[in-house]
Amino acid sequence: MTFKAEFLAELEDCLRGYGVVPVSHPGALARFIEYVRLLPEDDPKLRCLAGVDQGSGSFWNNPAVWWERVPTFGGADADCAALLDDLLDEAVHDEIDVLEMEIRELPG
């Protein structure tokens, strides 16, 4: 399964009510799902998210992504491109934090 397909499946599960987080604005999340669906497989943002996922899986385990961004999307702002940017920023930031922690734990 490609990263994009897995990402869409996770989002669709949230939309159906049995995903990792509850959704406050299902219509807005449905628009975001369609936005992601229309992105090409080689979209740079999706490729970066896939890279983070392959590196540590921190995208799927990041509470700032799944518990702060996705459930409330569509309230004050329903900009799909901005949400994807936020998800990418959060995932990359978390990945950097993980790498910095691993570097500090290196001997010597």
N, C-alpha and C. Protein backbone atom coordinates (compact mmCIF):
# COMPACT_ATOMS: atom_id res chain seq x y z
N MET A 1 0.86 -1.18 0.00
CA MET A 1 0.00 0.00 0.00
C MET A 1 0.90 1.24 0.00
N THR A 2 0.60 2.19 -0.86
CA THR A 2 1.39 3.42 -0.90
C THR A 2 1.07 4.28 0.31
N PHE A 3 1.96 5.24 0.59
CA PHE A 3 1.71 6.15 1.69
C PHE A 3 0.41 6.91 1.47
N LYS A 4 0.20 7.39 0.24
CA LYS A 4 -1.02 8.15 -0.06
C LYS A 4 -2.27 7.31 0.22
N ALA A 5 -2.26 6.06 -0.21
CA ALA A 5 -3.41 5.18 0.02
C ALA A 5 -3.63 4.95 1.51
N GLU A 6 -2.54 4.76 2.26
CA GLU A 6 -2.67 4.56 3.70
C GLU A 6 -3.19 5.83 4.38
N PHE A 7 -2.68 6.98 3.96
CA PHE A 7 -3.11 8.26 4.50
C PHE A 7 -4.60 8.46 4.25
N LEU A 8 -5.04 8.21 3.02
CA LEU A 8 -6.47 8.34 2.69
C LEU A 8 -7.32 7.38 3.50
N ALA A 9 -6.85 6.15 3.67
CA ALA A 9 -7.61 5.16 4.45
C ALA A 9 -7.76 5.62 5.89
N GLU A 10 -6.69 6.15 6.48
CA GLU A 10 -6.77 6.64 7.87
C GLU A 10 -7.75 7.79 7.99
N LEU A 11 -7.68 8.73 7.05
CA LEU A 11 -8.59 9.87 7.07
C LEU A 11 -10.04 9.44 6.86
N GLU A 12 -10.26 8.51 5.94
CA GLU A 12 -11.62 8.02 5.69
C GLU A 12 -12.18 7.29 6.90
N ASP A 13 -11.33 6.55 7.61
CA ASP A 13 -11.78 5.91 8.85
C ASP A 13 -12.23 6.96 9.87
N CYS A 14 -11.47 8.05 9.98
CA CYS A 14 -11.87 9.13 10.90
C CYS A 14 -13.21 9.71 10.47
N LEU A 15 -13.39 9.89 9.17
CA LEU A 15 -14.64 10.44 8.66
C LEU A 15 -15.82 9.52 8.96
N ARG A 16 -15.59 8.23 8.91
CA ARG A 16 -16.66 7.25 9.17
C ARG A 16 -16.94 7.07 10.66
N GLY A 17 -16.09 7.64 11.51
CA GLY A 17 -16.34 7.58 12.94
C GLY A 17 -15.61 6.48 13.68
N TYR A 18 -14.75 5.73 13.01
CA TYR A 18 -14.02 4.69 13.73
C TYR A 18 -12.51 4.80 13.51
N GLY A 19 -12.06 6.00 13.20
CA GLY A 19 -10.64 6.24 13.02
C GLY A 19 -9.96 6.56 14.34
N VAL A 20 -8.73 7.03 14.24
CA VAL A 20 -7.93 7.29 15.44
C VAL A 20 -8.42 8.49 16.23
N VAL A 21 -9.17 9.40 15.58
CA VAL A 21 -9.67 10.58 16.27
C VAL A 21 -11.10 10.88 15.85
N PRO A 22 -11.87 11.52 16.74
CA PRO A 22 -13.21 11.97 16.35
C PRO A 22 -13.09 13.19 15.44
N VAL A 23 -14.10 13.46 14.66
CA VAL A 23 -14.08 14.57 13.71
C VAL A 23 -15.23 15.52 14.03
N SER A 24 -14.89 16.81 14.17
CA SER A 24 -15.90 17.81 14.49
C SER A 24 -16.63 18.33 13.26
N HIS A 25 -15.94 18.35 12.12
CA HIS A 25 -16.51 18.94 10.90
C HIS A 25 -16.33 17.96 9.74
N PRO A 26 -17.21 16.96 9.64
CA PRO A 26 -17.04 15.92 8.63
C PRO A 26 -17.01 16.44 7.19
N GLY A 27 -17.79 17.46 6.89
CA GLY A 27 -17.79 18.00 5.53
C GLY A 27 -16.44 18.56 5.14
N ALA A 28 -15.81 19.25 6.06
CA ALA A 28 -14.49 19.82 5.80
C ALA A 28 -13.46 18.71 5.64
N LEU A 29 -13.54 17.68 6.48
CA LEU A 29 -12.59 16.58 6.35
C LEU A 29 -12.81 15.84 5.03
N ALA A 30 -14.05 15.71 4.60
CA ALA A 30 -14.33 15.08 3.30
C ALA A 30 -13.70 15.88 2.17
N ARG A 31 -13.73 17.21 2.26
CA ARG A 31 -13.08 18.04 1.24
C ARG A 31 -11.56 17.84 1.28
N PHE A 32 -11.00 17.71 2.47
CA PHE A 32 -9.56 17.48 2.58
C PHE A 32 -9.19 16.13 1.98
N ILE A 33 -9.99 15.12 2.23
CA ILE A 33 -9.75 13.79 1.66
C ILE A 33 -9.75 13.87 0.13
N GLU A 34 -10.70 14.58 -0.42
CA GLU A 34 -10.76 14.73 -1.87
C GLU A 34 -9.54 15.50 -2.39
N TYR A 35 -9.13 16.51 -1.64
CA TYR A 35 -7.93 17.29 -2.00
C TYR A 35 -6.70 16.36 -2.07
N VAL A 36 -6.52 15.54 -1.05
CA VAL A 36 -5.39 14.61 -1.02
C VAL A 36 -5.52 13.59 -2.15
N ARG A 37 -6.71 13.09 -2.38
CA ARG A 37 -6.94 12.10 -3.43
C ARG A 37 -6.51 12.63 -4.80
N LEU A 38 -6.71 13.92 -5.04
CA LEU A 38 -6.38 14.52 -6.33
C LEU A 38 -4.90 14.86 -6.49
N LEU A 39 -4.15 14.81 -5.40
CA LEU A 39 -2.71 15.09 -5.51
C LEU A 39 -2.02 13.94 -6.25
N PRO A 40 -1.03 14.26 -7.06
CA PRO A 40 -0.29 13.19 -7.73
C PRO A 40 0.52 12.39 -6.72
N GLU A 41 0.77 11.14 -7.04
CA GLU A 41 1.55 10.27 -6.14
C GLU A 41 2.91 10.87 -5.80
N ASP A 42 3.49 11.64 -6.75
CA ASP A 42 4.82 12.19 -6.52
C ASP A 42 4.78 13.63 -5.97
N ASP A 43 3.65 14.04 -5.42
CA ASP A 43 3.55 15.36 -4.81
C ASP A 43 4.64 15.50 -3.75
N PRO A 44 5.39 16.60 -3.76
CA PRO A 44 6.51 16.76 -2.81
C PRO A 44 6.09 16.65 -1.34
N LYS A 45 4.94 17.17 -0.98
CA LYS A 45 4.51 17.11 0.42
C LYS A 45 4.20 15.67 0.83
N LEU A 46 3.52 14.94 -0.04
CA LEU A 46 3.24 13.53 0.26
C LEU A 46 4.54 12.72 0.34
N ARG A 47 5.48 13.03 -0.57
CA ARG A 47 6.76 12.32 -0.54
C ARG A 47 7.51 12.60 0.76
N CYS A 48 7.46 13.85 1.23
CA CYS A 48 8.12 14.18 2.51
C CYS A 48 7.44 13.46 3.67
N LEU A 49 6.12 13.45 3.68
CA LEU A 49 5.41 12.73 4.74
C LEU A 49 5.74 11.23 4.70
N ALA A 50 5.82 10.68 3.51
CA ALA A 50 6.18 9.27 3.36
C ALA A 50 7.59 9.03 3.88
N GLY A 51 8.49 9.97 3.62
CA GLY A 51 9.86 9.85 4.12
C GLY A 51 9.93 9.87 5.63
N VAL A 52 9.15 10.75 6.24
CA VAL A 52 9.09 10.80 7.71
C VAL A 52 8.54 9.49 8.24
N ASP A 53 7.50 8.99 7.59
CA ASP A 53 6.89 7.73 8.02
C ASP A 53 7.89 6.58 7.92
N GLN A 54 8.65 6.53 6.84
CA GLN A 54 9.63 5.46 6.68
C GLN A 54 10.76 5.61 7.69
N GLY A 55 11.09 6.85 8.03
CA GLY A 55 12.19 7.08 8.97
C GLY A 55 11.90 6.59 10.37
N SER A 56 10.73 6.94 10.88
CA SER A 56 10.44 6.58 12.28
C SER A 56 8.98 6.27 12.55
N GLY A 57 8.13 6.49 11.59
CA GLY A 57 6.70 6.30 11.84
C GLY A 57 6.10 7.41 12.68
N SER A 58 6.87 8.49 12.90
CA SER A 58 6.39 9.55 13.79
C SER A 58 5.19 10.29 13.24
N PHE A 59 4.96 10.20 11.93
CA PHE A 59 3.76 10.85 11.40
C PHE A 59 2.50 10.20 11.96
N TRP A 60 2.46 8.89 11.98
CA TRP A 60 1.26 8.18 12.44
C TRP A 60 1.10 8.24 13.95
N ASN A 61 2.19 8.45 14.67
CA ASN A 61 2.13 8.46 16.13
C ASN A 61 2.18 9.86 16.72
N ASN A 62 2.10 10.88 15.90
CA ASN A 62 2.26 12.24 16.36
C ASN A 62 0.93 12.81 16.84
N PRO A 63 0.79 13.04 18.16
CA PRO A 63 -0.48 13.56 18.67
C PRO A 63 -0.81 14.95 18.14
N ALA A 64 0.20 15.77 17.85
CA ALA A 64 -0.07 17.11 17.33
C ALA A 64 -0.73 17.04 15.96
N VAL A 65 -0.46 15.99 15.23
CA VAL A 65 -1.11 15.80 13.93
C VAL A 65 -2.51 15.25 14.13
N TRP A 66 -2.59 14.10 14.78
CA TRP A 66 -3.86 13.38 14.81
C TRP A 66 -4.83 13.87 15.87
N TRP A 67 -4.36 14.44 16.98
CA TRP A 67 -5.29 14.87 18.02
C TRP A 67 -5.53 16.37 18.04
N GLU A 68 -4.64 17.15 17.41
CA GLU A 68 -4.82 18.60 17.42
C GLU A 68 -5.27 19.15 16.08
N ARG A 69 -4.78 18.61 14.97
CA ARG A 69 -5.07 19.19 13.66
C ARG A 69 -6.30 18.57 13.00
N VAL A 70 -6.37 17.25 12.95
CA VAL A 70 -7.43 16.58 12.18
C VAL A 70 -8.82 16.75 12.80
N PRO A 71 -9.00 16.54 14.11
CA PRO A 71 -10.36 16.60 14.66
C PRO A 71 -11.06 17.94 14.50
N THR A 72 -10.30 19.03 14.56
CA THR A 72 -10.93 20.35 14.53
C THR A 72 -10.87 21.01 13.16
N PHE A 73 -10.31 20.33 12.16
CA PHE A 73 -10.21 20.93 10.84
C PHE A 73 -11.59 21.31 10.32
N GLY A 74 -11.68 22.55 9.82
CA GLY A 74 -12.95 23.02 9.26
C GLY A 74 -13.70 23.94 10.17
N GLY A 75 -13.21 24.14 11.38
CA GLY A 75 -13.88 25.06 12.29
C GLY A 75 -13.69 26.49 11.83
N ALA A 76 -12.59 27.10 12.25
CA ALA A 76 -12.30 28.48 11.87
C ALA A 76 -11.67 28.55 10.48
N ASP A 77 -11.03 27.49 10.05
CA ASP A 77 -10.31 27.51 8.79
C ASP A 77 -10.45 26.15 8.12
N ALA A 78 -10.76 26.15 6.84
CA ALA A 78 -10.92 24.90 6.11
C ALA A 78 -10.05 24.89 4.85
N ASP A 79 -8.84 25.45 4.97
CA ASP A 79 -7.90 25.50 3.86
C ASP A 79 -7.15 24.17 3.79
N CYS A 80 -7.45 23.38 2.77
CA CYS A 80 -6.86 22.05 2.64
C CYS A 80 -5.36 22.10 2.47
N ALA A 81 -4.87 23.03 1.66
CA ALA A 81 -3.43 23.14 1.45
C ALA A 81 -2.73 23.51 2.76
N ALA A 82 -3.34 24.40 3.54
CA ALA A 82 -2.75 24.81 4.81
C ALA A 82 -2.72 23.63 5.79
N LEU A 83 -3.77 22.81 5.81
CA LEU A 83 -3.77 21.65 6.70
C LEU A 83 -2.66 20.69 6.32
N LEU A 84 -2.49 20.42 5.03
CA LEU A 84 -1.41 19.53 4.61
C LEU A 84 -0.06 20.12 4.98
N ASP A 85 0.12 21.43 4.84
CA ASP A 85 1.35 22.09 5.26
C ASP A 85 1.57 21.91 6.76
N ASP A 86 0.51 22.10 7.55
CA ASP A 86 0.61 21.94 9.01
C ASP A 86 0.99 20.51 9.39
N LEU A 87 0.38 19.54 8.73
CA LEU A 87 0.69 18.14 9.01
C LEU A 87 2.15 17.85 8.69
N LEU A 88 2.61 18.36 7.57
CA LEU A 88 4.01 18.16 7.18
C LEU A 88 4.94 18.86 8.16
N ASP A 89 4.66 20.11 8.49
CA ASP A 89 5.50 20.84 9.44
C ASP A 89 5.59 20.10 10.78
N GLU A 90 4.46 19.65 11.28
CA GLU A 90 4.42 18.95 12.56
C GLU A 90 5.22 17.65 12.49
N ALA A 91 5.04 16.90 11.42
CA ALA A 91 5.74 15.62 11.27
C ALA A 91 7.24 15.82 11.16
N VAL A 92 7.67 16.81 10.39
CA VAL A 92 9.10 17.07 10.25
C VAL A 92 9.68 17.56 11.58
N HIS A 93 8.96 18.44 12.25
CA HIS A 93 9.42 18.94 13.56
C HIS A 93 9.59 17.79 14.55
N ASP A 94 8.63 16.90 14.57
CA ASP A 94 8.70 15.76 15.47
C ASP A 94 9.87 14.86 15.11
N GLU A 95 10.10 14.67 13.83
CA GLU A 95 11.22 13.84 13.38
C GLU A 95 12.55 14.46 13.80
N ILE A 96 12.67 15.76 13.68
CA ILE A 96 13.89 16.45 14.12
C ILE A 96 14.09 16.26 15.62
N ASP A 97 13.02 16.40 16.39
CA ASP A 97 13.11 16.19 17.84
C ASP A 97 13.61 14.79 18.17
N VAL A 98 13.10 13.79 17.46
CA VAL A 98 13.51 12.40 17.69
C VAL A 98 14.99 12.24 17.37
N LEU A 99 15.43 12.80 16.24
CA LEU A 99 16.84 12.69 15.86
C LEU A 99 17.74 13.40 16.85
N GLU A 100 17.34 14.58 17.32
CA GLU A 100 18.15 15.30 18.31
C GLU A 100 18.27 14.51 19.60
N MET A 101 17.19 13.87 20.02
CA MET A 101 17.22 13.06 21.23
C MET A 101 18.17 11.86 21.05
N GLU A 102 18.11 11.23 19.89
CA GLU A 102 18.99 10.09 19.62
C GLU A 102 20.45 10.53 19.60
N ILE A 103 20.73 11.70 19.05
CA ILE A 103 22.10 12.21 19.02
C ILE A 103 22.62 12.47 20.43
N ARG A 104 21.78 13.04 21.28
CA ARG A 104 22.19 13.31 22.68
C ARG A 104 22.49 12.03 23.43
N GLU A 105 21.84 10.95 23.05
CA GLU A 105 22.03 9.69 23.75
C GLU A 105 23.24 8.90 23.25
N LEU A 106 23.88 9.38 22.17
CA LEU A 106 25.06 8.69 21.67
C LEU A 106 26.19 8.78 22.69
N PRO A 107 26.98 7.73 22.81
CA PRO A 107 28.09 7.77 23.76
C PRO A 107 29.15 8.79 23.30
N GLY A 108 29.76 9.45 24.29
CA GLY A 108 30.88 10.35 24.04
C GLY A 108 30.45 11.60 23.44
